[in-house]
Amino acid sequence: MKLGLTGSIATGKSTAAGFFREEGCPVIDADVIAREVVQPGAPALQEIESAFGSSVIAGDGTLDREKLGTIIFNDPQKREQLNAMVHPAIREKMKEQAEEAEASHPIVVLDIPLLFENELFYLVDQTAVVYVPEQVQKERLMKRNNYSEEEALSRMDSQLSIEEKKQRADFVILNTGPEEETSRQVKKLVEALLKKHQDGTP
C-alpha cells in the first residue's frame, strides 16, 4: 500500500515522516528526488539553464535554488514552465523507488509536499495530511524563518490551504501537541493500515 504523506509549509510533515521511518516504513521523499533530478549533468538542469539563463547555475555547476526561487515565486507562468521540466522526472523516479520499496514493507510512504496542488493521487492509494490550524502555521513560519506576517501569509497563500487539505485527506495527523503525541498517532495509523493489509481489506 502506498500512503501519500503531505501537509503545508511549517505544519511538521518532516517530523511525521521521521516517525513513519521509526515504524519501519520506507519513506520516498519527493524533495530529495527533486534535488537528484537537477544534479549537474541531468537533462532537467540543462533545460532549466536554457529556459532561465546561466544566472540560475551556481559557480560549482549546481542549481542556485535561491535565484531560481526569486524568478518563479511571483510569476505563475514561469513556475508552470519549471514544473513542466522537472515534475515528470520526479514522478518517474518516485514510482520506481516506491515499487522497489514495496518488496521490503507492506506500507510505503510517499512524502509529497504538493500532493494536492499537483493532484498526484495516481501515485498513491490513500492520503494522510499533517495538520495544524492556520494561525499556528503562520506563527510557526514567522518564528522558524524570521518572516514578517505578510511574508508568512504570502508563502502560505502559494499553497492550497491546510484546511482544505484536511477535508480532502483520508487520514489527519494533528501536530499541535508534543512530538510524542504525533509519534503516537503515526504508530496507531501504521498499525491500522497493517491490520487492513493482513485482513486483505481495501
N, C-alpha and C. Protein backbone atom coordinates (compact mmCIF):
# COMPACT_ATOMS: atom_id res chain seq x y z
N MET A 1 0.83 -1.20 0.00
CA MET A 1 0.00 0.00 0.00
C MET A 1 0.87 1.24 0.00
N LYS A 2 0.54 2.18 -0.89
CA LYS A 2 1.30 3.44 -0.96
C LYS A 2 0.49 4.54 -0.30
N LEU A 3 1.07 5.12 0.78
CA LEU A 3 0.40 6.20 1.51
C LEU A 3 1.05 7.52 1.14
N GLY A 4 0.27 8.44 0.64
CA GLY A 4 0.78 9.78 0.30
C GLY A 4 0.75 10.65 1.54
N LEU A 5 1.92 11.09 2.00
CA LEU A 5 2.01 11.96 3.18
C LEU A 5 2.23 13.39 2.72
N THR A 6 1.39 14.29 3.21
CA THR A 6 1.55 15.69 2.81
C THR A 6 1.21 16.61 3.97
N GLY A 7 1.28 17.91 3.73
CA GLY A 7 0.99 18.91 4.75
C GLY A 7 1.10 20.25 4.06
N SER A 8 1.47 21.26 4.79
CA SER A 8 1.75 22.57 4.20
C SER A 8 2.97 23.11 4.91
N ILE A 9 3.48 24.21 4.42
CA ILE A 9 4.70 24.80 4.99
C ILE A 9 4.51 25.00 6.50
N ALA A 10 5.49 24.53 7.29
CA ALA A 10 5.52 24.68 8.75
C ALA A 10 4.45 23.91 9.51
N THR A 11 3.86 22.86 8.90
CA THR A 11 2.90 22.06 9.67
C THR A 11 3.57 20.85 10.33
N GLY A 12 4.82 20.54 9.93
CA GLY A 12 5.56 19.45 10.60
C GLY A 12 5.57 18.13 9.85
N LYS A 13 5.45 18.19 8.53
CA LYS A 13 5.42 16.97 7.72
C LYS A 13 6.71 16.15 7.87
N SER A 14 7.86 16.83 7.91
CA SER A 14 9.15 16.11 8.02
C SER A 14 9.23 15.36 9.34
N THR A 15 8.71 15.96 10.40
CA THR A 15 8.69 15.30 11.71
C THR A 15 7.88 14.01 11.62
N ALA A 16 6.69 14.10 11.01
CA ALA A 16 5.83 12.92 10.87
C ALA A 16 6.51 11.86 10.00
N ALA A 17 7.18 12.29 8.93
CA ALA A 17 7.88 11.34 8.05
C ALA A 17 8.93 10.56 8.84
N GLY A 18 9.61 11.25 9.76
CA GLY A 18 10.60 10.59 10.61
C GLY A 18 9.97 9.51 11.48
N PHE A 19 8.75 9.78 11.97
CA PHE A 19 8.07 8.79 12.81
C PHE A 19 7.64 7.57 11.98
N PHE A 20 7.26 7.78 10.72
CA PHE A 20 6.93 6.64 9.85
C PHE A 20 8.17 5.77 9.64
N ARG A 21 9.34 6.44 9.49
CA ARG A 21 10.59 5.67 9.35
C ARG A 21 10.86 4.83 10.61
N GLU A 22 10.60 5.45 11.76
CA GLU A 22 10.81 4.74 13.04
C GLU A 22 9.91 3.50 13.13
N GLU A 23 8.75 3.56 12.48
CA GLU A 23 7.83 2.41 12.48
C GLU A 23 8.24 1.37 11.43
N GLY A 24 9.34 1.65 10.72
CA GLY A 24 9.84 0.68 9.74
C GLY A 24 9.34 0.88 8.33
N CYS A 25 8.53 1.93 8.10
CA CYS A 25 8.01 2.16 6.75
C CYS A 25 9.06 2.86 5.88
N PRO A 26 9.31 2.37 4.67
CA PRO A 26 10.19 3.10 3.76
C PRO A 26 9.52 4.43 3.39
N VAL A 27 10.28 5.52 3.40
CA VAL A 27 9.74 6.84 3.03
C VAL A 27 10.46 7.33 1.77
N ILE A 28 9.67 7.56 0.72
CA ILE A 28 10.21 8.11 -0.53
C ILE A 28 9.96 9.61 -0.49
N ASP A 29 11.02 10.39 -0.45
CA ASP A 29 10.92 11.84 -0.23
C ASP A 29 11.01 12.60 -1.56
N ALA A 30 9.90 13.26 -1.94
CA ALA A 30 9.85 13.99 -3.21
C ALA A 30 10.90 15.10 -3.26
N ASP A 31 11.17 15.75 -2.11
CA ASP A 31 12.16 16.84 -2.09
C ASP A 31 13.57 16.33 -2.39
N VAL A 32 13.90 15.15 -1.84
CA VAL A 32 15.22 14.56 -2.09
C VAL A 32 15.34 14.22 -3.58
N ILE A 33 14.28 13.62 -4.13
CA ILE A 33 14.29 13.26 -5.55
C ILE A 33 14.35 14.51 -6.42
N ALA A 34 13.65 15.58 -5.99
CA ALA A 34 13.67 16.83 -6.76
C ALA A 34 15.09 17.38 -6.86
N ARG A 35 15.89 17.17 -5.81
CA ARG A 35 17.29 17.63 -5.86
C ARG A 35 18.12 16.72 -6.77
N GLU A 36 17.81 15.42 -6.73
CA GLU A 36 18.57 14.46 -7.54
C GLU A 36 18.38 14.70 -9.03
N VAL A 37 17.15 15.05 -9.44
CA VAL A 37 16.89 15.18 -10.89
C VAL A 37 17.45 16.47 -11.49
N VAL A 38 17.97 17.37 -10.63
CA VAL A 38 18.62 18.59 -11.17
C VAL A 38 20.11 18.63 -10.82
N GLN A 39 20.69 17.45 -10.59
CA GLN A 39 22.14 17.39 -10.36
C GLN A 39 22.87 17.80 -11.64
N PRO A 40 24.12 18.32 -11.52
CA PRO A 40 24.88 18.65 -12.73
C PRO A 40 24.92 17.48 -13.71
N GLY A 41 24.64 17.79 -14.97
CA GLY A 41 24.65 16.75 -16.00
C GLY A 41 23.27 16.16 -16.27
N ALA A 42 22.31 16.40 -15.35
CA ALA A 42 20.95 15.85 -15.55
C ALA A 42 20.22 16.64 -16.64
N PRO A 43 19.43 15.96 -17.48
CA PRO A 43 18.71 16.65 -18.56
C PRO A 43 17.85 17.81 -18.05
N ALA A 44 17.20 17.63 -16.87
CA ALA A 44 16.32 18.68 -16.35
C ALA A 44 17.10 19.96 -16.05
N LEU A 45 18.35 19.82 -15.54
CA LEU A 45 19.15 21.01 -15.22
C LEU A 45 19.52 21.76 -16.50
N GLN A 46 19.83 21.02 -17.55
CA GLN A 46 20.17 21.66 -18.82
C GLN A 46 18.97 22.44 -19.36
N GLU A 47 17.79 21.85 -19.22
CA GLU A 47 16.55 22.52 -19.66
C GLU A 47 16.33 23.81 -18.88
N ILE A 48 16.56 23.74 -17.55
CA ILE A 48 16.37 24.92 -16.70
C ILE A 48 17.31 26.03 -17.11
N GLU A 49 18.57 25.68 -17.36
CA GLU A 49 19.55 26.69 -17.76
C GLU A 49 19.15 27.34 -19.09
N SER A 50 18.68 26.54 -20.04
CA SER A 50 18.25 27.08 -21.34
C SER A 50 17.08 28.04 -21.18
N ALA A 51 16.15 27.68 -20.28
CA ALA A 51 14.93 28.49 -20.12
C ALA A 51 15.13 29.73 -19.26
N PHE A 52 15.94 29.61 -18.20
CA PHE A 52 16.03 30.71 -17.22
C PHE A 52 17.37 31.43 -17.22
N GLY A 53 18.32 30.94 -18.02
CA GLY A 53 19.62 31.62 -18.13
C GLY A 53 20.66 31.08 -17.17
N SER A 54 21.92 31.41 -17.46
CA SER A 54 23.03 30.85 -16.68
C SER A 54 23.12 31.44 -15.27
N SER A 55 22.38 32.51 -14.99
CA SER A 55 22.43 33.10 -13.65
C SER A 55 21.86 32.15 -12.59
N VAL A 56 21.04 31.17 -13.01
CA VAL A 56 20.46 30.24 -12.03
C VAL A 56 21.39 29.05 -11.75
N ILE A 57 22.56 29.04 -12.40
CA ILE A 57 23.54 27.99 -12.15
C ILE A 57 24.67 28.57 -11.29
N ALA A 58 24.93 27.93 -10.16
CA ALA A 58 25.98 28.41 -9.24
C ALA A 58 27.37 28.13 -9.84
N GLY A 59 28.38 28.70 -9.22
CA GLY A 59 29.76 28.55 -9.69
C GLY A 59 30.23 27.11 -9.78
N ASP A 60 29.68 26.24 -8.90
CA ASP A 60 30.11 24.83 -8.90
C ASP A 60 29.28 23.96 -9.85
N GLY A 61 28.42 24.62 -10.66
CA GLY A 61 27.65 23.88 -11.65
C GLY A 61 26.32 23.35 -11.15
N THR A 62 26.02 23.59 -9.84
CA THR A 62 24.74 23.14 -9.30
C THR A 62 23.68 24.23 -9.49
N LEU A 63 22.44 23.85 -9.25
CA LEU A 63 21.33 24.79 -9.39
C LEU A 63 21.33 25.77 -8.22
N ASP A 64 21.26 27.06 -8.53
CA ASP A 64 21.14 28.08 -7.48
C ASP A 64 19.65 28.24 -7.17
N ARG A 65 19.19 27.49 -6.17
CA ARG A 65 17.76 27.43 -5.88
C ARG A 65 17.18 28.78 -5.47
N GLU A 66 18.01 29.55 -4.76
CA GLU A 66 17.52 30.84 -4.29
C GLU A 66 17.23 31.78 -5.47
N LYS A 67 18.18 31.82 -6.42
CA LYS A 67 17.99 32.70 -7.59
C LYS A 67 16.78 32.23 -8.41
N LEU A 68 16.69 30.92 -8.59
CA LEU A 68 15.56 30.39 -9.36
C LEU A 68 14.24 30.67 -8.63
N GLY A 69 14.26 30.50 -7.30
CA GLY A 69 13.07 30.76 -6.49
C GLY A 69 12.58 32.19 -6.62
N THR A 70 13.53 33.12 -6.66
CA THR A 70 13.17 34.54 -6.80
C THR A 70 12.49 34.80 -8.15
N ILE A 71 12.98 34.12 -9.19
CA ILE A 71 12.41 34.31 -10.53
C ILE A 71 10.98 33.76 -10.60
N ILE A 72 10.78 32.55 -10.03
CA ILE A 72 9.47 31.89 -10.23
C ILE A 72 8.44 32.25 -9.17
N PHE A 73 8.88 32.75 -8.00
CA PHE A 73 7.95 32.89 -6.89
C PHE A 73 6.75 33.77 -7.23
N ASN A 74 7.02 34.91 -7.87
CA ASN A 74 5.91 35.82 -8.17
C ASN A 74 5.45 35.75 -9.62
N ASP A 75 5.85 34.69 -10.32
CA ASP A 75 5.48 34.57 -11.74
C ASP A 75 4.90 33.18 -12.00
N PRO A 76 3.57 33.04 -11.88
CA PRO A 76 2.94 31.72 -12.04
C PRO A 76 3.29 31.04 -13.37
N GLN A 77 3.44 31.85 -14.43
CA GLN A 77 3.74 31.27 -15.74
C GLN A 77 5.12 30.60 -15.74
N LYS A 78 6.09 31.29 -15.12
CA LYS A 78 7.45 30.73 -15.05
C LYS A 78 7.48 29.50 -14.13
N ARG A 79 6.66 29.55 -13.07
CA ARG A 79 6.59 28.40 -12.17
C ARG A 79 6.05 27.17 -12.90
N GLU A 80 5.01 27.42 -13.72
CA GLU A 80 4.44 26.33 -14.54
C GLU A 80 5.49 25.75 -15.48
N GLN A 81 6.25 26.67 -16.09
CA GLN A 81 7.30 26.26 -17.04
C GLN A 81 8.34 25.36 -16.35
N LEU A 82 8.73 25.77 -15.14
CA LEU A 82 9.71 24.98 -14.38
C LEU A 82 9.14 23.61 -14.02
N ASN A 83 7.89 23.61 -13.54
CA ASN A 83 7.24 22.36 -13.15
C ASN A 83 7.18 21.37 -14.31
N ALA A 84 6.89 21.89 -15.50
CA ALA A 84 6.80 21.03 -16.69
C ALA A 84 8.14 20.37 -17.00
N MET A 85 9.23 21.02 -16.58
CA MET A 85 10.57 20.46 -16.83
C MET A 85 10.95 19.39 -15.81
N VAL A 86 10.65 19.65 -14.55
CA VAL A 86 11.16 18.74 -13.51
C VAL A 86 10.16 17.69 -13.01
N HIS A 87 8.87 18.00 -13.05
CA HIS A 87 7.90 17.09 -12.45
C HIS A 87 7.85 15.70 -13.08
N PRO A 88 7.87 15.59 -14.42
CA PRO A 88 7.83 14.23 -15.00
C PRO A 88 8.99 13.35 -14.51
N ALA A 89 10.19 13.94 -14.40
CA ALA A 89 11.36 13.17 -13.94
C ALA A 89 11.19 12.77 -12.47
N ILE A 90 10.65 13.67 -11.65
CA ILE A 90 10.44 13.38 -10.22
C ILE A 90 9.43 12.24 -10.06
N ARG A 91 8.31 12.34 -10.79
CA ARG A 91 7.25 11.33 -10.67
C ARG A 91 7.74 9.95 -11.07
N GLU A 92 8.49 9.91 -12.17
CA GLU A 92 9.00 8.64 -12.68
C GLU A 92 9.91 7.97 -11.64
N LYS A 93 10.79 8.79 -11.04
CA LYS A 93 11.74 8.26 -10.06
C LYS A 93 11.01 7.82 -8.78
N MET A 94 9.99 8.58 -8.37
CA MET A 94 9.22 8.21 -7.18
C MET A 94 8.52 6.87 -7.39
N LYS A 95 7.94 6.72 -8.57
CA LYS A 95 7.22 5.50 -8.92
C LYS A 95 8.17 4.29 -8.86
N GLU A 96 9.34 4.45 -9.45
CA GLU A 96 10.34 3.37 -9.46
C GLU A 96 10.74 3.00 -8.03
N GLN A 97 11.07 4.04 -7.22
CA GLN A 97 11.53 3.77 -5.86
C GLN A 97 10.43 3.15 -5.00
N ALA A 98 9.18 3.59 -5.20
CA ALA A 98 8.06 3.04 -4.43
C ALA A 98 7.86 1.57 -4.76
N GLU A 99 7.95 1.24 -6.03
CA GLU A 99 7.77 -0.17 -6.44
C GLU A 99 8.87 -1.06 -5.84
N GLU A 100 10.09 -0.55 -5.82
CA GLU A 100 11.20 -1.30 -5.21
C GLU A 100 10.96 -1.48 -3.70
N ALA A 101 10.53 -0.39 -3.04
CA ALA A 101 10.34 -0.43 -1.57
C ALA A 101 9.22 -1.36 -1.15
N GLU A 102 8.22 -1.52 -2.02
CA GLU A 102 7.07 -2.38 -1.68
C GLU A 102 7.50 -3.83 -1.43
N ALA A 103 8.64 -4.20 -1.97
CA ALA A 103 9.14 -5.56 -1.76
C ALA A 103 9.61 -5.76 -0.32
N SER A 104 9.97 -4.64 0.37
CA SER A 104 10.53 -4.78 1.73
C SER A 104 9.52 -4.48 2.84
N HIS A 105 8.40 -3.81 2.53
CA HIS A 105 7.43 -3.46 3.58
C HIS A 105 6.05 -3.26 2.94
N PRO A 106 4.97 -3.71 3.62
CA PRO A 106 3.64 -3.55 3.02
C PRO A 106 3.16 -2.10 2.91
N ILE A 107 3.74 -1.20 3.72
CA ILE A 107 3.33 0.21 3.64
C ILE A 107 4.53 1.05 3.22
N VAL A 108 4.38 1.71 2.09
CA VAL A 108 5.42 2.63 1.60
C VAL A 108 4.85 4.04 1.66
N VAL A 109 5.59 4.95 2.29
CA VAL A 109 5.13 6.34 2.43
C VAL A 109 5.78 7.20 1.35
N LEU A 110 4.94 7.90 0.58
CA LEU A 110 5.45 8.85 -0.41
C LEU A 110 5.26 10.25 0.17
N ASP A 111 6.36 10.87 0.53
CA ASP A 111 6.34 12.19 1.17
C ASP A 111 6.33 13.24 0.05
N ILE A 112 5.12 13.80 -0.22
CA ILE A 112 4.95 14.71 -1.37
C ILE A 112 4.34 16.03 -0.88
N PRO A 113 5.15 17.11 -0.77
CA PRO A 113 4.62 18.37 -0.25
C PRO A 113 3.42 18.90 -1.04
N LEU A 114 3.46 18.81 -2.38
CA LEU A 114 2.39 19.39 -3.20
C LEU A 114 1.48 18.31 -3.78
N LEU A 115 1.20 17.30 -2.99
CA LEU A 115 0.36 16.18 -3.43
C LEU A 115 -1.00 16.66 -3.94
N PHE A 116 -1.66 17.52 -3.16
CA PHE A 116 -2.99 18.01 -3.55
C PHE A 116 -2.91 19.05 -4.66
N GLU A 117 -1.94 19.97 -4.53
CA GLU A 117 -1.82 21.04 -5.53
C GLU A 117 -1.60 20.46 -6.94
N ASN A 118 -0.76 19.42 -7.02
CA ASN A 118 -0.44 18.84 -8.32
C ASN A 118 -1.25 17.59 -8.65
N GLU A 119 -2.24 17.30 -7.77
CA GLU A 119 -3.17 16.18 -7.99
C GLU A 119 -2.44 14.88 -8.35
N LEU A 120 -1.51 14.49 -7.49
CA LEU A 120 -0.69 13.30 -7.75
C LEU A 120 -1.29 12.04 -7.12
N PHE A 121 -2.62 11.98 -7.10
CA PHE A 121 -3.30 10.88 -6.41
C PHE A 121 -3.03 9.53 -7.07
N TYR A 122 -2.73 9.56 -8.37
CA TYR A 122 -2.49 8.30 -9.09
C TYR A 122 -1.22 7.59 -8.58
N LEU A 123 -0.36 8.33 -7.86
CA LEU A 123 0.87 7.72 -7.33
C LEU A 123 0.63 6.97 -6.03
N VAL A 124 -0.52 7.25 -5.37
CA VAL A 124 -0.74 6.70 -4.02
C VAL A 124 -2.12 6.03 -3.92
N ASP A 125 -2.28 5.22 -2.86
CA ASP A 125 -3.57 4.56 -2.62
C ASP A 125 -4.45 5.38 -1.68
N GLN A 126 -3.80 5.97 -0.65
CA GLN A 126 -4.54 6.83 0.28
C GLN A 126 -3.65 7.99 0.71
N THR A 127 -4.27 9.00 1.35
CA THR A 127 -3.50 10.19 1.72
C THR A 127 -3.63 10.49 3.20
N ALA A 128 -2.51 11.00 3.78
CA ALA A 128 -2.51 11.45 5.18
C ALA A 128 -1.95 12.87 5.19
N VAL A 129 -2.63 13.77 5.89
CA VAL A 129 -2.16 15.15 5.96
C VAL A 129 -1.71 15.47 7.39
N VAL A 130 -0.56 16.14 7.50
CA VAL A 130 -0.08 16.60 8.81
C VAL A 130 -0.66 17.99 9.00
N TYR A 131 -1.49 18.13 10.03
CA TYR A 131 -2.33 19.33 10.17
C TYR A 131 -2.03 20.13 11.43
N VAL A 132 -1.99 21.46 11.25
CA VAL A 132 -2.12 22.41 12.38
C VAL A 132 -3.05 23.51 11.89
N PRO A 133 -3.80 24.17 12.77
CA PRO A 133 -4.65 25.28 12.33
C PRO A 133 -3.80 26.39 11.68
N GLU A 134 -4.41 27.16 10.78
CA GLU A 134 -3.67 28.18 10.02
C GLU A 134 -2.97 29.20 10.91
N GLN A 135 -3.60 29.56 12.03
CA GLN A 135 -2.99 30.54 12.95
C GLN A 135 -1.67 29.99 13.50
N VAL A 136 -1.68 28.71 13.88
CA VAL A 136 -0.47 28.05 14.41
C VAL A 136 0.58 27.96 13.30
N GLN A 137 0.12 27.61 12.10
CA GLN A 137 1.02 27.51 10.94
C GLN A 137 1.74 28.85 10.70
N LYS A 138 0.96 29.93 10.73
CA LYS A 138 1.53 31.27 10.49
C LYS A 138 2.55 31.63 11.57
N GLU A 139 2.19 31.36 12.84
CA GLU A 139 3.11 31.69 13.95
C GLU A 139 4.41 30.90 13.86
N ARG A 140 4.29 29.62 13.53
CA ARG A 140 5.49 28.77 13.41
C ARG A 140 6.38 29.24 12.27
N LEU A 141 5.76 29.61 11.17
CA LEU A 141 6.52 30.04 10.00
C LEU A 141 7.25 31.36 10.28
N MET A 142 6.57 32.28 10.97
CA MET A 142 7.20 33.57 11.32
C MET A 142 8.40 33.33 12.24
N LYS A 143 8.22 32.43 13.20
CA LYS A 143 9.28 32.15 14.17
C LYS A 143 10.44 31.40 13.51
N ARG A 144 10.11 30.35 12.74
CA ARG A 144 11.13 29.48 12.14
C ARG A 144 11.98 30.21 11.11
N ASN A 145 11.33 31.00 10.23
CA ASN A 145 12.05 31.63 9.12
C ASN A 145 12.30 33.12 9.33
N ASN A 146 11.90 33.60 10.51
CA ASN A 146 12.06 35.03 10.81
C ASN A 146 11.31 35.89 9.79
N TYR A 147 10.11 35.44 9.41
CA TYR A 147 9.30 36.17 8.42
C TYR A 147 8.42 37.20 9.12
N SER A 148 8.08 38.25 8.38
CA SER A 148 7.03 39.15 8.86
C SER A 148 5.70 38.42 8.63
N GLU A 149 4.63 38.96 9.19
CA GLU A 149 3.31 38.33 9.00
C GLU A 149 2.96 38.28 7.51
N GLU A 150 3.28 39.36 6.81
CA GLU A 150 2.97 39.45 5.37
C GLU A 150 3.73 38.37 4.57
N GLU A 151 5.01 38.19 4.90
CA GLU A 151 5.83 37.18 4.20
C GLU A 151 5.29 35.78 4.48
N ALA A 152 4.92 35.53 5.74
CA ALA A 152 4.40 34.21 6.11
C ALA A 152 3.10 33.92 5.36
N LEU A 153 2.21 34.90 5.33
CA LEU A 153 0.92 34.71 4.65
C LEU A 153 1.11 34.51 3.14
N SER A 154 2.09 35.21 2.58
CA SER A 154 2.39 35.08 1.14
C SER A 154 2.83 33.65 0.83
N ARG A 155 3.70 33.08 1.68
CA ARG A 155 4.16 31.69 1.49
C ARG A 155 2.99 30.71 1.65
N MET A 156 2.16 30.96 2.65
CA MET A 156 1.01 30.08 2.88
C MET A 156 0.03 30.13 1.71
N ASP A 157 -0.15 31.33 1.16
CA ASP A 157 -1.11 31.50 0.06
C ASP A 157 -0.64 30.86 -1.24
N SER A 158 0.67 30.55 -1.32
CA SER A 158 1.18 29.94 -2.56
C SER A 158 0.85 28.44 -2.60
N GLN A 159 0.29 27.91 -1.50
CA GLN A 159 -0.14 26.51 -1.45
C GLN A 159 -1.65 26.46 -1.19
N LEU A 160 -2.23 25.30 -1.45
CA LEU A 160 -3.62 25.06 -1.11
C LEU A 160 -3.74 25.16 0.41
N SER A 161 -4.84 25.71 0.92
CA SER A 161 -4.93 25.91 2.37
C SER A 161 -4.93 24.56 3.11
N ILE A 162 -4.32 24.56 4.28
CA ILE A 162 -4.21 23.34 5.10
C ILE A 162 -5.61 22.86 5.50
N GLU A 163 -6.56 23.80 5.63
CA GLU A 163 -7.94 23.41 5.99
C GLU A 163 -8.56 22.56 4.88
N GLU A 164 -8.31 22.97 3.64
CA GLU A 164 -8.86 22.21 2.50
C GLU A 164 -8.20 20.83 2.40
N LYS A 165 -6.88 20.79 2.64
CA LYS A 165 -6.18 19.50 2.59
C LYS A 165 -6.74 18.56 3.67
N LYS A 166 -7.02 19.13 4.84
CA LYS A 166 -7.57 18.34 5.94
C LYS A 166 -8.90 17.70 5.52
N GLN A 167 -9.74 18.49 4.83
CA GLN A 167 -11.05 18.00 4.39
C GLN A 167 -10.91 16.86 3.37
N ARG A 168 -9.88 16.97 2.52
CA ARG A 168 -9.75 16.03 1.40
C ARG A 168 -8.94 14.77 1.73
N ALA A 169 -8.19 14.79 2.82
CA ALA A 169 -7.30 13.66 3.14
C ALA A 169 -8.08 12.47 3.72
N ASP A 170 -7.52 11.27 3.53
CA ASP A 170 -8.12 10.07 4.13
C ASP A 170 -7.83 10.01 5.63
N PHE A 171 -6.63 10.49 6.03
CA PHE A 171 -6.23 10.46 7.43
C PHE A 171 -5.64 11.82 7.80
N VAL A 172 -5.86 12.24 9.05
CA VAL A 172 -5.32 13.52 9.54
C VAL A 172 -4.43 13.25 10.75
N ILE A 173 -3.19 13.76 10.69
CA ILE A 173 -2.27 13.65 11.83
C ILE A 173 -2.17 15.05 12.44
N LEU A 174 -2.71 15.20 13.64
CA LEU A 174 -2.73 16.52 14.30
C LEU A 174 -1.37 16.76 14.95
N ASN A 175 -0.71 17.86 14.57
CA ASN A 175 0.66 18.11 15.04
C ASN A 175 0.75 19.39 15.88
N THR A 176 -0.21 19.56 16.80
CA THR A 176 -0.18 20.78 17.62
C THR A 176 0.41 20.51 19.01
N GLY A 177 0.48 19.25 19.40
CA GLY A 177 0.97 18.92 20.74
C GLY A 177 2.43 18.54 20.74
N PRO A 178 2.89 17.87 21.81
CA PRO A 178 4.29 17.43 21.87
C PRO A 178 4.56 16.35 20.80
N GLU A 179 5.83 16.18 20.45
CA GLU A 179 6.19 15.23 19.40
C GLU A 179 5.75 13.80 19.74
N GLU A 180 5.75 13.45 21.03
CA GLU A 180 5.34 12.10 21.43
C GLU A 180 3.90 11.81 20.99
N GLU A 181 3.08 12.87 21.03
CA GLU A 181 1.67 12.71 20.64
C GLU A 181 1.57 12.47 19.13
N THR A 182 2.38 13.19 18.35
CA THR A 182 2.40 12.99 16.89
C THR A 182 2.90 11.58 16.58
N SER A 183 3.95 11.17 17.29
CA SER A 183 4.51 9.83 17.11
C SER A 183 3.45 8.76 17.41
N ARG A 184 2.68 8.98 18.46
CA ARG A 184 1.63 8.01 18.85
C ARG A 184 0.58 7.88 17.74
N GLN A 185 0.20 9.01 17.15
CA GLN A 185 -0.80 8.98 16.06
C GLN A 185 -0.27 8.23 14.84
N VAL A 186 1.02 8.44 14.53
CA VAL A 186 1.63 7.75 13.38
C VAL A 186 1.64 6.25 13.65
N LYS A 187 2.05 5.88 14.85
CA LYS A 187 2.11 4.46 15.24
C LYS A 187 0.74 3.80 15.09
N LYS A 188 -0.28 4.50 15.57
CA LYS A 188 -1.66 3.99 15.52
C LYS A 188 -2.12 3.81 14.07
N LEU A 189 -1.76 4.80 13.23
CA LEU A 189 -2.15 4.74 11.81
C LEU A 189 -1.46 3.57 11.11
N VAL A 190 -0.18 3.39 11.38
CA VAL A 190 0.58 2.29 10.77
C VAL A 190 -0.03 0.95 11.20
N GLU A 191 -0.34 0.83 12.49
CA GLU A 191 -0.94 -0.42 13.00
C GLU A 191 -2.27 -0.71 12.31
N ALA A 192 -3.10 0.34 12.13
CA ALA A 192 -4.41 0.17 11.48
C ALA A 192 -4.24 -0.25 10.02
N LEU A 193 -3.28 0.37 9.34
CA LEU A 193 -3.05 0.04 7.92
C LEU A 193 -2.50 -1.37 7.76
N LEU A 194 -1.62 -1.77 8.68
CA LEU A 194 -1.07 -3.13 8.62
C LEU A 194 -2.15 -4.17 8.87
N LYS A 195 -3.07 -3.84 9.79
CA LYS A 195 -4.17 -4.77 10.10
C LYS A 195 -5.05 -4.93 8.86
N LYS A 196 -5.35 -3.80 8.19
CA LYS A 196 -6.16 -3.85 6.96
C LYS A 196 -5.45 -4.69 5.91
N HIS A 197 -4.14 -4.52 5.83
CA HIS A 197 -3.34 -5.27 4.84
C HIS A 197 -3.41 -6.78 5.13
N GLN A 198 -3.28 -7.12 6.43
CA GLN A 198 -3.31 -8.54 6.82
C GLN A 198 -4.71 -9.15 6.60
N ASP A 199 -5.73 -8.32 6.86
CA ASP A 199 -7.10 -8.82 6.67
C ASP A 199 -7.50 -8.88 5.19
N GLY A 200 -6.67 -8.20 4.37
CA GLY A 200 -6.97 -8.18 2.94
C GLY A 200 -8.10 -7.24 2.56
N THR A 201 -8.42 -6.27 3.49
CA THR A 201 -9.49 -5.32 3.15
C THR A 201 -8.89 -4.15 2.38
N PRO A 202 -9.66 -3.57 1.44
CA PRO A 202 -9.11 -2.45 0.64
C PRO A 202 -8.98 -1.18 1.45
